[in-house]
C-alpha atoms as a PDB file:
ATOM      1  CA  MET A   1       1.790  33.726  -2.707  1.00  0.00           C
ATOM      2  CA  LYS A   2       4.816  32.049  -1.136  1.00  0.00           C
ATOM      3  CA  THR A   3       2.732  30.941   1.855  1.00  0.00           C
ATOM      4  CA  LYS A   4       0.071  29.450  -0.424  1.00  0.00           C
ATOM      5  CA  ILE A   5       2.725  27.432  -2.256  1.00  0.00           C
ATOM      6  CA  ILE A   6       4.157  26.203   1.056  1.00  0.00           C
ATOM      7  CA  HIS A   7       0.709  25.060   2.209  1.00  0.00           C
ATOM      8  CA  PHE A   8      -0.075  23.414  -1.131  1.00  0.00           C
ATOM      9  CA  LEU A   9       3.206  21.501  -1.198  1.00  0.00           C
ATOM     10  CA  GLY A  10       2.967  20.691   2.497  1.00  0.00           C
ATOM     11  CA  ILE A  11      -0.571  19.294   2.294  1.00  0.00           C
ATOM     12  CA  ALA A  12       0.325  17.313  -0.837  1.00  0.00           C
ATOM     13  CA  SER A  13       3.337  15.925   1.018  1.00  0.00           C
ATOM     14  CA  LEU A  14       1.172  14.962   3.997  1.00  0.00           C
ATOM     15  CA  PHE A  15      -1.339  13.042   1.897  1.00  0.00           C
ATOM     16  CA  LEU A  16       1.355  11.320  -0.143  1.00  0.00           C
ATOM     17  CA  CYS A  17       3.104  10.383   3.092  1.00  0.00           C
ATOM     18  CA  ILE A  18      -0.096   8.901   4.513  1.00  0.00           C
ATOM     19  CA  LEU A  19      -0.732   6.940   1.306  1.00  0.00           C
ATOM     20  CA  SER A  20       2.806   5.635   0.891  1.00  0.00           C
ATOM     21  CA  MET A  21       3.196   4.757   4.580  1.00  0.00           C
ATOM     22  CA  ALA A  22      -0.113   2.874   4.542  1.00  0.00           C
ATOM     23  CA  ILE A  23       1.237   0.862   1.606  1.00  0.00           C
ATOM     24  CA  VAL A  24       4.524   0.230   3.441  1.00  0.00           C
ATOM     25  CA  ILE A  25       2.673  -1.083   6.494  1.00  0.00           C
ATOM     26  CA  THR A  26       0.304  -3.204   4.406  1.00  0.00           C
ATOM     27  CA  ILE A  27       2.916  -4.918   2.246  1.00  0.00           C
ATOM     28  CA  ASN A  28       4.960  -5.756   5.322  1.00  0.00           C
ATOM     29  CA  PHE A  29       2.056  -6.940   7.459  1.00  0.00           C
ATOM     30  CA  THR A  30       2.844 -10.650   7.255  1.00  0.00           C
ATOM     31  CA  PRO A  31       0.070 -11.642   9.713  1.00  0.00           C
ATOM     32  CA  LEU A  32      -2.477 -10.775   7.024  1.00  0.00           C
ATOM     33  CA  TYR A  33      -1.120 -13.482   4.731  1.00  0.00           C
ATOM     34  CA  ALA A  34      -0.868 -15.913   7.649  1.00  0.00           C
ATOM     35  CA  PHE A  35      -4.548 -15.232   8.362  1.00  0.00           C
ATOM     36  CA  ASP A  36      -5.538 -15.745   4.723  1.00  0.00           C
ATOM     37  CA  ILE A  37      -3.698 -19.066   4.526  1.00  0.00           C
ATOM     38  CA  ASP A  38      -6.154 -20.376   7.091  1.00  0.00           C
ATOM     39  CA  TYR A  39      -9.145 -18.311   5.989  1.00  0.00           C
ATOM     40  CA  LEU A  40      -8.830 -19.390   2.355  1.00  0.00           C
ATOM     41  CA  ALA A  41      -7.801 -22.967   3.233  1.00  0.00           C
ATOM     42  CA  LEU A  42      -4.691 -22.716   1.037  1.00  0.00           C
ATOM     43  CA  PRO A  43      -2.879 -25.776   2.493  1.00  0.00           C
ATOM     44  CA  GLU A  44      -5.825 -27.991   1.565  1.00  0.00           C
ATOM     45  CA  LYS A  45      -6.081 -26.480  -1.923  1.00  0.00           C
ATOM     46  CA  LEU A  46      -2.353 -26.558  -2.711  1.00  0.00           C
ATOM     47  CA  GLY A  47      -1.200 -29.600  -0.770  1.00  0.00           C
ATOM     48  CA  LEU A  48       1.438 -27.567   1.064  1.00  0.00           C
ATOM     49  CA  SER A  49       1.721 -26.862   4.764  1.00  0.00           C
ATOM     50  CA  LYS A  50       1.165 -23.417   6.242  1.00  0.00           C
ATOM     51  CA  GLU A  51       4.841 -23.315   7.237  1.00  0.00           C
ATOM     52  CA  THR A  52       5.908 -24.003   3.634  1.00  0.00           C
ATOM     53  CA  LEU A  53       3.606 -21.322   2.255  1.00  0.00           C
ATOM     54  CA  MET A  54       4.873 -18.806   4.804  1.00  0.00           C
ATOM     55  CA  ALA A  55       8.499 -19.678   3.992  1.00  0.00           C
ATOM     56  CA  ASN A  56       7.909 -19.052   0.280  1.00  0.00           C
ATOM     57  CA  TYR A  57       6.028 -15.835   1.049  1.00  0.00           C
ATOM     58  CA  ARG A  58       8.914 -14.541   3.149  1.00  0.00           C
ATOM     59  CA  ILE A  59      11.369 -15.317   0.335  1.00  0.00           C
ATOM     60  CA  LEU A  60       9.142 -13.426  -2.087  1.00  0.00           C
ATOM     61  CA  MET A  61       8.832 -10.447   0.258  1.00  0.00           C
ATOM     62  CA  ASP A  62      12.587 -10.412   0.871  1.00  0.00           C
ATOM     63  CA  TYR A  63      13.119 -10.183  -2.876  1.00  0.00           C
ATOM     64  CA  LEU A  64      10.538  -7.411  -3.278  1.00  0.00           C
ATOM     65  CA  ASN A  65      11.756  -5.407  -0.271  1.00  0.00           C
ATOM     66  CA  LYS A  66      15.530  -5.683  -0.523  1.00  0.00           C
ATOM     67  CA  PRO A  67      17.321  -3.974  -3.433  1.00  0.00           C
ATOM     68  CA  TRP A  68      20.430  -6.150  -3.002  1.00  0.00           C
ATOM     69  CA  ILE A  69      18.512  -9.370  -3.716  1.00  0.00           C
ATOM     70  CA  ALA A  70      18.621  -9.559  -7.506  1.00  0.00           C
ATOM     71  CA  GLU A  71      17.160 -13.007  -8.135  1.00  0.00           C
ATOM     72  CA  LEU A  72      13.899 -14.615  -7.073  1.00  0.00           C
ATOM     73  CA  LYS A  73      13.894 -18.351  -6.413  1.00  0.00           C
ATOM     74  CA  LEU A  74      10.871 -19.846  -4.721  1.00  0.00           C
ATOM     75  CA  PRO A  75      11.694 -23.365  -3.465  1.00  0.00           C
ATOM     76  CA  ASN A  76       8.191 -24.771  -3.956  1.00  0.00           C
ATOM     77  CA  PHE A  77       6.951 -22.734  -6.918  1.00  0.00           C
ATOM     78  CA  PRO A  78       8.506 -22.680 -10.397  1.00  0.00           C
ATOM     79  CA  SER A  79       8.325 -19.356 -12.241  1.00  0.00           C
ATOM     80  CA  SER A  80       8.124 -18.428 -15.901  1.00  0.00           C
ATOM     81  CA  GLU A  81      10.114 -15.629 -17.513  1.00  0.00           C
ATOM     82  CA  ASN A  82       6.994 -13.456 -17.602  1.00  0.00           C
ATOM     83  CA  GLY A  83       6.248 -14.215 -13.960  1.00  0.00           C
ATOM     84  CA  LEU A  84       9.762 -13.250 -12.863  1.00  0.00           C
ATOM     85  CA  PHE A  85       9.568 -10.080 -14.953  1.00  0.00           C
ATOM     86  CA  HIS A  86       6.311  -9.097 -13.278  1.00  0.00           C
ATOM     87  CA  PHE A  87       7.813  -9.561  -9.826  1.00  0.00           C
ATOM     88  CA  TYR A  88      10.758  -7.434 -10.954  1.00  0.00           C
ATOM     89  CA  GLU A  89       8.306  -4.686 -11.912  1.00  0.00           C
ATOM     90  CA  VAL A  90       6.542  -5.056  -8.562  1.00  0.00           C
ATOM     91  CA  LYS A  91       9.929  -4.742  -6.853  1.00  0.00           C
ATOM     92  CA  ARG A  92      10.494  -1.436  -8.656  1.00  0.00           C
ATOM     93  CA  LEU A  93       7.102  -0.195  -7.445  1.00  0.00           C
ATOM     94  CA  PHE A  94       8.051  -1.194  -3.895  1.00  0.00           C
ATOM     95  CA  MET A  95      11.282   0.780  -4.170  1.00  0.00           C
ATOM     96  CA  LEU A  96       9.384   3.759  -5.592  1.00  0.00           C
ATOM     97  CA  ASP A  97       6.917   3.661  -2.708  1.00  0.00           C
ATOM     98  CA  TYR A  98       9.733   3.528  -0.151  1.00  0.00           C
ATOM     99  CA  ALA A  99      11.377   6.533  -1.823  1.00  0.00           C
ATOM    100  CA  ILE A 100       8.119   8.490  -1.843  1.00  0.00           C
ATOM    101  CA  ALA A 101       7.485   7.565   1.799  1.00  0.00           C
ATOM    102  CA  LEU A 102      10.933   8.792   2.843  1.00  0.00           C
ATOM    103  CA  VAL A 103      10.843  12.055   0.867  1.00  0.00           C
ATOM    104  CA  THR A 104       7.284  12.946   1.879  1.00  0.00           C
ATOM    105  CA  LEU A 105       7.933  12.014   5.510  1.00  0.00           C
ATOM    106  CA  ILE A 106      10.763  14.548   5.584  1.00  0.00           C
ATOM    107  CA  GLY A 107       8.576  17.071   3.762  1.00  0.00           C
ATOM    108  CA  SER A 108       5.687  16.450   6.155  1.00  0.00           C
ATOM    109  CA  ILE A 109       7.892  16.947   9.228  1.00  0.00           C
ATOM    110  CA  VAL A 110       9.199  20.237   7.829  1.00  0.00           C
ATOM    111  CA  TYR A 111       5.668  21.368   6.969  1.00  0.00           C
ATOM    112  CA  LEU A 112       4.225  20.415  10.363  1.00  0.00           C
ATOM    113  CA  ARG A 113       6.981  22.401  12.041  1.00  0.00           C
ATOM    114  CA  PHE A 114       6.024  25.354   9.837  1.00  0.00           C
ATOM    115  CA  ILE A 115       2.362  24.852  10.821  1.00  0.00           C
ATOM    116  CA  LYS A 116       3.287  24.824  14.494  1.00  0.00           C
ATOM    117  CA  ARG A 117       5.514  27.876  14.188  1.00  0.00           C
ATOM    118  CA  THR A 118       2.898  29.930  12.297  1.00  0.00           C
ATOM    119  CA  TYR A 119      -0.112  28.703  14.308  1.00  0.00           C
ATOM    120  CA  SER A 120      -1.884  27.695  11.093  1.00  0.00           C
ATOM    121  CA  SER A 121      -3.101  24.191  11.873  1.00  0.00           C
ATOM    122  CA  TRP A 122      -6.580  25.342  10.821  1.00  0.00           C
ATOM    123  CA  LYS A 123      -5.296  25.117   7.236  1.00  0.00           C
ATOM    124  CA  LEU A 124      -5.383  21.318   7.547  1.00  0.00           C
ATOM    125  CA  ILE A 125      -9.014  21.003   8.623  1.00  0.00           C
ATOM    126  CA  HIS A 126     -10.722  21.260   5.214  1.00  0.00           C
ATOM    127  CA  PRO A 127      -8.154  19.123   3.325  1.00  0.00           C
ATOM    128  CA  PHE A 128      -8.565  16.381   5.929  1.00  0.00           C
ATOM    129  CA  GLN A 129     -12.359  16.709   5.739  1.00  0.00           C
ATOM    130  CA  TRP A 130     -12.263  16.119   1.989  1.00  0.00           C
ATOM    131  CA  GLY A 131      -9.583  13.480   2.389  1.00  0.00           C
ATOM    132  CA  MET A 132     -11.845  11.400   4.615  1.00  0.00           C
ATOM    133  CA  ILE A 133     -14.235  10.866   1.706  1.00  0.00           C
ATOM    134  CA  VAL A 134     -11.765   9.226  -0.690  1.00  0.00           C
ATOM    135  CA  PRO A 135     -11.020   6.030   1.309  1.00  0.00           C
ATOM    136  CA  PHE A 136     -14.755   5.479   1.786  1.00  0.00           C
ATOM    137  CA  VAL A 137     -15.276   5.785  -1.977  1.00  0.00           C
ATOM    138  CA  VAL A 138     -12.486   3.285  -2.678  1.00  0.00           C
ATOM    139  CA  LEU A 139     -13.774   0.862  -0.049  1.00  0.00           C
ATOM    140  CA  PHE A 140     -17.231   1.134  -1.619  1.00  0.00           C
ATOM    141  CA  MET A 141     -15.722   0.342  -5.038  1.00  0.00           C
ATOM    142  CA  ILE A 142     -13.911  -2.651  -3.537  1.00  0.00           C
ATOM    143  CA  ALA A 143     -17.171  -3.944  -2.082  1.00  0.00           C
ATOM    144  CA  LEU A 144     -19.029  -3.255  -5.316  1.00  0.00           C
ATOM    145  CA  ASN A 145     -16.629  -4.769  -7.845  1.00  0.00           C
ATOM    146  CA  PHE A 146     -13.088  -5.549  -6.762  1.00  0.00           C
ATOM    147  CA  ASP A 147     -12.350  -7.452  -9.991  1.00  0.00           C
ATOM    148  CA  GLN A 148     -12.613  -4.314 -12.124  1.00  0.00           C
ATOM    149  CA  LEU A 149     -10.663  -2.256  -9.601  1.00  0.00           C
ATOM    150  CA  PHE A 150      -7.940  -4.909  -9.523  1.00  0.00           C
ATOM    151  CA  ILE A 151      -7.721  -5.018 -13.328  1.00  0.00           C
ATOM    152  CA  GLY A 152      -7.742  -1.217 -13.556  1.00  0.00           C
ATOM    153  CA  PHE A 153      -4.935  -0.993 -10.999  1.00  0.00           C
ATOM    154  CA  HIS A 154      -2.723  -3.301 -13.068  1.00  0.00           C
ATOM    155  CA  LYS A 155      -3.507  -1.470 -16.308  1.00  0.00           C
ATOM    156  CA  ILE A 156      -2.429   1.803 -14.703  1.00  0.00           C
ATOM    157  CA  PHE A 157       0.827   0.557 -13.176  1.00  0.00           C
ATOM    158  CA  PHE A 158       1.897  -2.068 -15.741  1.00  0.00           C
ATOM    159  CA  ASN A 159       2.149  -1.549 -19.493  1.00  0.00           C
ATOM    160  CA  ASN A 160       2.090  -5.275 -20.299  1.00  0.00           C
ATOM    161  CA  ASP A 161       0.115  -8.412 -19.488  1.00  0.00           C
ATOM    162  CA  ALA A 162       2.883 -10.202 -17.554  1.00  0.00           C
ATOM    163  CA  TRP A 163       0.731  -9.823 -14.439  1.00  0.00           C
ATOM    164  CA  MET A 164      -1.847 -12.225 -15.910  1.00  0.00           C
ATOM    165  CA  PHE A 165      -0.267 -15.351 -14.415  1.00  0.00           C
ATOM    166  CA  ASN A 166      -0.925 -18.803 -15.819  1.00  0.00           C
ATOM    167  CA  PRO A 167      -1.240 -21.234 -12.888  1.00  0.00           C
ATOM    168  CA  SER A 168       0.406 -23.981 -14.921  1.00  0.00           C
ATOM    169  CA  THR A 169       3.602 -21.962 -15.446  1.00  0.00           C
ATOM    170  CA  ASP A 170       3.414 -19.707 -12.366  1.00  0.00           C
ATOM    171  CA  PRO A 171       1.614 -21.675  -9.641  1.00  0.00           C
ATOM    172  CA  ILE A 172       2.550 -19.007  -7.075  1.00  0.00           C
ATOM    173  CA  ILE A 173      -0.619 -17.219  -8.167  1.00  0.00           C
ATOM    174  CA  LEU A 174      -2.605 -20.017  -6.533  1.00  0.00           C
ATOM    175  CA  ALA A 175      -0.900 -19.174  -3.255  1.00  0.00           C
ATOM    176  CA  LEU A 176      -1.668 -15.462  -3.768  1.00  0.00           C
ATOM    177  CA  PRO A 177      -5.378 -15.467  -4.644  1.00  0.00           C
ATOM    178  CA  GLU A 178      -7.276 -12.310  -5.541  1.00  0.00           C
ATOM    179  CA  THR A 179      -9.049 -12.341  -2.186  1.00  0.00           C
ATOM    180  CA  PHE A 180      -5.716 -11.815  -0.441  1.00  0.00           C
ATOM    181  CA  PHE A 181      -5.063  -8.721  -2.555  1.00  0.00           C
ATOM    182  CA  MET A 182      -8.571  -7.487  -1.789  1.00  0.00           C
ATOM    183  CA  HIS A 183      -7.773  -7.776   1.912  1.00  0.00           C
ATOM    184  CA  CYS A 184      -4.545  -5.826   1.299  1.00  0.00           C
ATOM    185  CA  PHE A 185      -6.486  -3.038  -0.416  1.00  0.00           C
ATOM    186  CA  VAL A 186      -8.996  -2.932   2.434  1.00  0.00           C
ATOM    187  CA  LEU A 187      -6.260  -2.798   5.083  1.00  0.00           C
ATOM    188  CA  ALA A 188      -4.394  -0.019   3.255  1.00  0.00           C
ATOM    189  CA  PHE A 189      -7.463   2.183   2.919  1.00  0.00           C
ATOM    190  CA  ILE A 190      -8.525   1.569   6.510  1.00  0.00           C
ATOM    191  CA  LEU A 191      -5.071   2.755   7.590  1.00  0.00           C
ATOM    192  CA  ILE A 192      -5.396   5.800   5.332  1.00  0.00           C
ATOM    193  CA  GLU A 193      -8.832   6.612   6.734  1.00  0.00           C
ATOM    194  CA  LEU A 194      -7.627   6.261  10.326  1.00  0.00           C
ATOM    195  CA  ALA A 195      -4.624   8.503   9.638  1.00  0.00           C
ATOM    196  CA  ILE A 196      -6.751  11.200   7.990  1.00  0.00           C
ATOM    197  CA  ILE A 197      -9.396  11.111  10.738  1.00  0.00           C
ATOM    198  CA  SER A 198      -6.658  11.360  13.374  1.00  0.00           C
ATOM    199  CA  GLY A 199      -5.063  14.258  11.504  1.00  0.00           C
ATOM    200  CA  TYR A 200      -8.405  16.035  11.247  1.00  0.00           C
ATOM    201  CA  PHE A 201      -9.134  15.863  14.972  1.00  0.00           C
ATOM    202  CA  ILE A 202      -5.583  16.819  15.917  1.00  0.00           C
ATOM    203  CA  ALA A 203      -5.677  19.826  13.563  1.00  0.00           C
ATOM    204  CA  LYS A 204      -9.105  20.871  14.829  1.00  0.00           C
ATOM    205  CA  ARG A 205      -8.112  20.560  18.489  1.00  0.00           C
ATOM    206  CA  THR A 206      -4.864  22.457  17.919  1.00  0.00           C
ATOM    207  CA  ALA A 207      -6.621  25.228  15.971  1.00  0.00           C
ATOM    208  CA  PHE A 208      -9.270  25.518  18.694  1.00  0.00           C
ATOM    209  CA  LYS A 209      -6.600  25.873  21.384  1.00  0.00           C
ATOM    210  CA  LYS A 210      -4.816  28.599  19.454  1.00  0.00           C
ATOM    211  CA  ASN A 211      -8.073  30.495  19.017  1.00  0.00           C
END
């Protein structure tokens, strides 16, 4: 019974670590936004240079990533009270993800050491097999109807409508179009899929060697 609990908690920790770390990498992958500035022709649409857009984006990401920065001031984009409140809520989600990533990383390391010590890497094969399906399902949903997925995501994580930005009061939304967030979702789930596939083959190879 104790061993079953260890494996359950360990596998849960592994998957949460993969998910949270994929989010950490995605939200900090600045080249994706730099690509979308050109891909979506944002300078032409907004009348601002790529350098200006990147400068504002870095200020926004500094605010979201650093607990000691308590106030958001974008030099080229005014913000409403609702807009600032939404970014505050996003900042809290960022902090939560970092906390989950740290805790589950420690838990995953402890569990993997247990796996190695008990020669039970075969226990990971089926969870990783099932885990490979989920990112494909999400990517299919993104391709099918990202709008509904995007709305559903906000309804789950926010209990208000502050995320529904008005471009006239929060023009930053024009610099962060929905397509950019779609690309973020795609990147995150590609990273998750790659991590799970890698874990599956490593577990299978290790189990085969032990047998």
